[in-house]
Amino acid sequence: MLSTENCQDDAAKLSEVEAEMLSTDLQDWIVTEAYLEKTFRFKNFYETMGFVNAVAWMANQQDHHPDLDVSYSRCRVRWNTHSANGVSRNDFICAARSDALHKKS
């Protein structure tokens, strides 16, 4: 289960086949060669910021940080691995963890 895994140092870029296999564990994520992206929606700004802070805490713990686009009732999260120049398993781990945090909010 991806959401229980931890990010690894020196994660390699995934092949298209590897990324496709892992994408079956995620729901509603846009999966490209360069990034994983999903927009999460909330009732209000308070809930949005609660989620943003939870993602920030998780990302810091995993030492893997997303690009976030935040507005009143939504947050777009984009994961990629700069050092791998694309998408790695770490991105899928953090995407799954983001989904788990959204379910708690």
C-alpha atoms as a PDB file:
ATOM      1  CA  MET A   1       0.000   0.000   0.000  1.00  0.00           C
ATOM      2  CA  LEU A   2       1.659   3.188  -1.216  1.00  0.00           C
ATOM      3  CA  SER A   3       0.298   5.412   1.562  1.00  0.00           C
ATOM      4  CA  THR A   4       2.217   3.427   4.186  1.00  0.00           C
ATOM      5  CA  GLU A   5       5.558   3.515   2.362  1.00  0.00           C
ATOM      6  CA  ASN A   6       8.257   6.117   2.949  1.00  0.00           C
ATOM      7  CA  CYS A   7      10.150   8.043   0.306  1.00  0.00           C
ATOM      8  CA  GLN A   8      13.630   6.820  -0.546  1.00  0.00           C
ATOM      9  CA  ASP A   9      16.768   8.800  -1.350  1.00  0.00           C
ATOM     10  CA  ASP A  10      17.939   8.702  -4.960  1.00  0.00           C
ATOM     11  CA  ALA A  11      14.580   7.588  -6.360  1.00  0.00           C
ATOM     12  CA  ALA A  12      14.854   6.871 -10.079  1.00  0.00           C
ATOM     13  CA  LYS A  13      12.532   8.050 -12.816  1.00  0.00           C
ATOM     14  CA  LEU A  14       9.849   5.463 -13.532  1.00  0.00           C
ATOM     15  CA  SER A  15       9.257   3.956 -16.936  1.00  0.00           C
ATOM     16  CA  GLU A  16       5.876   4.532 -18.549  1.00  0.00           C
ATOM     17  CA  VAL A  17       4.871   0.943 -17.717  1.00  0.00           C
ATOM     18  CA  GLU A  18       5.922   1.292 -14.059  1.00  0.00           C
ATOM     19  CA  ALA A  19       4.014   4.571 -13.715  1.00  0.00           C
ATOM     20  CA  GLU A  20       0.932   3.062 -15.342  1.00  0.00           C
ATOM     21  CA  MET A  21       0.994   0.128 -12.915  1.00  0.00           C
ATOM     22  CA  LEU A  22       1.289   2.410  -9.876  1.00  0.00           C
ATOM     23  CA  SER A  23      -1.401   4.771 -11.172  1.00  0.00           C
ATOM     24  CA  THR A  24      -4.021   2.066 -10.622  1.00  0.00           C
ATOM     25  CA  ASP A  25      -3.558   2.679  -6.873  1.00  0.00           C
ATOM     26  CA  LEU A  26      -4.516   6.356  -7.233  1.00  0.00           C
ATOM     27  CA  GLN A  27      -7.894   7.896  -7.986  1.00  0.00           C
ATOM     28  CA  ASP A  28      -8.444  11.060 -10.049  1.00  0.00           C
ATOM     29  CA  TRP A  29      -4.762  11.910 -10.415  1.00  0.00           C
ATOM     30  CA  ILE A  30      -3.415  13.217 -13.715  1.00  0.00           C
ATOM     31  CA  VAL A  31      -0.334  11.119 -14.458  1.00  0.00           C
ATOM     32  CA  THR A  32       2.217  12.377 -16.977  1.00  0.00           C
ATOM     33  CA  GLU A  33       5.862  11.613 -17.618  1.00  0.00           C
ATOM     34  CA  ALA A  34       6.775  14.815 -15.781  1.00  0.00           C
ATOM     35  CA  TYR A  35       4.391  14.995 -12.793  1.00  0.00           C
ATOM     36  CA  LEU A  36       1.350  13.746 -10.867  1.00  0.00           C
ATOM     37  CA  GLU A  37      -1.414  16.289 -10.280  1.00  0.00           C
ATOM     38  CA  LYS A  38      -4.765  16.440  -8.530  1.00  0.00           C
ATOM     39  CA  THR A  39      -7.111  19.207  -7.441  1.00  0.00           C
ATOM     40  CA  PHE A  40      -8.708  18.717  -4.035  1.00  0.00           C
ATOM     41  CA  ARG A  41     -11.897  20.624  -3.198  1.00  0.00           C
ATOM     42  CA  PHE A  42     -13.119  21.867   0.191  1.00  0.00           C
ATOM     43  CA  LYS A  43     -16.108  23.620   1.770  1.00  0.00           C
ATOM     44  CA  ASN A  44     -14.174  26.694   2.881  1.00  0.00           C
ATOM     45  CA  PHE A  45     -10.768  28.302   3.308  1.00  0.00           C
ATOM     46  CA  TYR A  46     -10.291  26.886   6.804  1.00  0.00           C
ATOM     47  CA  GLU A  47     -10.613  23.295   5.518  1.00  0.00           C
ATOM     48  CA  THR A  48      -8.384  24.084   2.557  1.00  0.00           C
ATOM     49  CA  MET A  49      -5.643  25.426   4.793  1.00  0.00           C
ATOM     50  CA  GLY A  50      -5.969  22.492   7.178  1.00  0.00           C
ATOM     51  CA  PHE A  51      -5.260  20.170   4.254  1.00  0.00           C
ATOM     52  CA  VAL A  52      -2.394  22.365   2.997  1.00  0.00           C
ATOM     53  CA  ASN A  53      -0.767  22.315   6.435  1.00  0.00           C
ATOM     54  CA  ALA A  54      -1.187  18.540   6.700  1.00  0.00           C
ATOM     55  CA  VAL A  55       0.418  18.047   3.267  1.00  0.00           C
ATOM     56  CA  ALA A  56       3.243  20.417   4.239  1.00  0.00           C
ATOM     57  CA  TRP A  57       3.914  18.455   7.435  1.00  0.00           C
ATOM     58  CA  MET A  58       3.860  15.113   5.579  1.00  0.00           C
ATOM     59  CA  ALA A  59       6.093  16.447   2.795  1.00  0.00           C
ATOM     60  CA  ASN A  60       8.614  17.706   5.327  1.00  0.00           C
ATOM     61  CA  GLN A  61       8.641  14.309   7.068  1.00  0.00           C
ATOM     62  CA  GLN A  62       9.202  12.567   3.714  1.00  0.00           C
ATOM     63  CA  ASP A  63      11.715  15.203   2.526  1.00  0.00           C
ATOM     64  CA  HIS A  64       9.770  15.368  -0.739  1.00  0.00           C
ATOM     65  CA  HIS A  65       7.932  18.580  -1.504  1.00  0.00           C
ATOM     66  CA  PRO A  66       5.078  19.359  -3.915  1.00  0.00           C
ATOM     67  CA  ASP A  67       4.057  22.428  -5.831  1.00  0.00           C
ATOM     68  CA  LEU A  68       0.819  23.723  -4.313  1.00  0.00           C
ATOM     69  CA  ASP A  69      -1.698  26.108  -5.864  1.00  0.00           C
ATOM     70  CA  VAL A  70      -4.095  27.246  -3.141  1.00  0.00           C
ATOM     71  CA  SER A  71      -7.337  29.209  -3.315  1.00  0.00           C
ATOM     72  CA  TYR A  72     -10.417  29.609  -1.115  1.00  0.00           C
ATOM     73  CA  SER A  73     -11.926  26.156  -1.618  1.00  0.00           C
ATOM     74  CA  ARG A  74      -9.360  24.131  -3.523  1.00  0.00           C
ATOM     75  CA  CYS A  75      -5.745  23.049  -3.572  1.00  0.00           C
ATOM     76  CA  ARG A  76      -3.953  21.741  -6.645  1.00  0.00           C
ATOM     77  CA  VAL A  77      -1.105  19.409  -5.665  1.00  0.00           C
ATOM     78  CA  ARG A  78       1.636  18.534  -8.142  1.00  0.00           C
ATOM     79  CA  TRP A  79       4.328  15.984  -7.317  1.00  0.00           C
ATOM     80  CA  ASN A  80       7.487  15.366  -9.308  1.00  0.00           C
ATOM     81  CA  THR A  81      11.067  14.384  -8.587  1.00  0.00           C
ATOM     82  CA  HIS A  82      13.447  17.076  -9.792  1.00  0.00           C
ATOM     83  CA  SER A  83      16.548  14.927  -9.263  1.00  0.00           C
ATOM     84  CA  ALA A  84      15.043  12.163 -11.444  1.00  0.00           C
ATOM     85  CA  ASN A  85      13.829  14.666 -14.050  1.00  0.00           C
ATOM     86  CA  GLY A  86      10.344  13.165 -13.965  1.00  0.00           C
ATOM     87  CA  VAL A  87       8.103  10.944 -11.879  1.00  0.00           C
ATOM     88  CA  SER A  88       9.483   8.498  -9.299  1.00  0.00           C
ATOM     89  CA  ARG A  89       7.912   6.098  -6.819  1.00  0.00           C
ATOM     90  CA  ASN A  90       8.278   8.874  -4.216  1.00  0.00           C
ATOM     91  CA  ASP A  91       5.685  10.909  -6.125  1.00  0.00           C
ATOM     92  CA  PHE A  92       3.202   8.045  -6.037  1.00  0.00           C
ATOM     93  CA  ILE A  93       3.856   7.529  -2.320  1.00  0.00           C
ATOM     94  CA  CYS A  94       3.203  11.189  -1.567  1.00  0.00           C
ATOM     95  CA  ALA A  95       0.154  11.289  -3.854  1.00  0.00           C
ATOM     96  CA  ALA A  96      -1.330   8.337  -1.957  1.00  0.00           C
ATOM     97  CA  ARG A  97      -0.493  10.005   1.345  1.00  0.00           C
ATOM     98  CA  SER A  98      -2.170  13.218   0.103  1.00  0.00           C
ATOM     99  CA  ASP A  99      -5.324  11.241  -0.693  1.00  0.00           C
ATOM    100  CA  ALA A 100      -5.261   9.728   2.797  1.00  0.00           C
ATOM    101  CA  LEU A 101      -4.942  13.193   4.353  1.00  0.00           C
ATOM    102  CA  HIS A 102      -7.864  14.460   2.269  1.00  0.00           C
ATOM    103  CA  LYS A 103     -10.056  11.627   3.534  1.00  0.00           C
ATOM    104  CA  LYS A 104      -9.251  12.689   7.115  1.00  0.00           C
ATOM    105  CA  SER A 105     -10.118  16.353   6.522  1.00  0.00           C
END
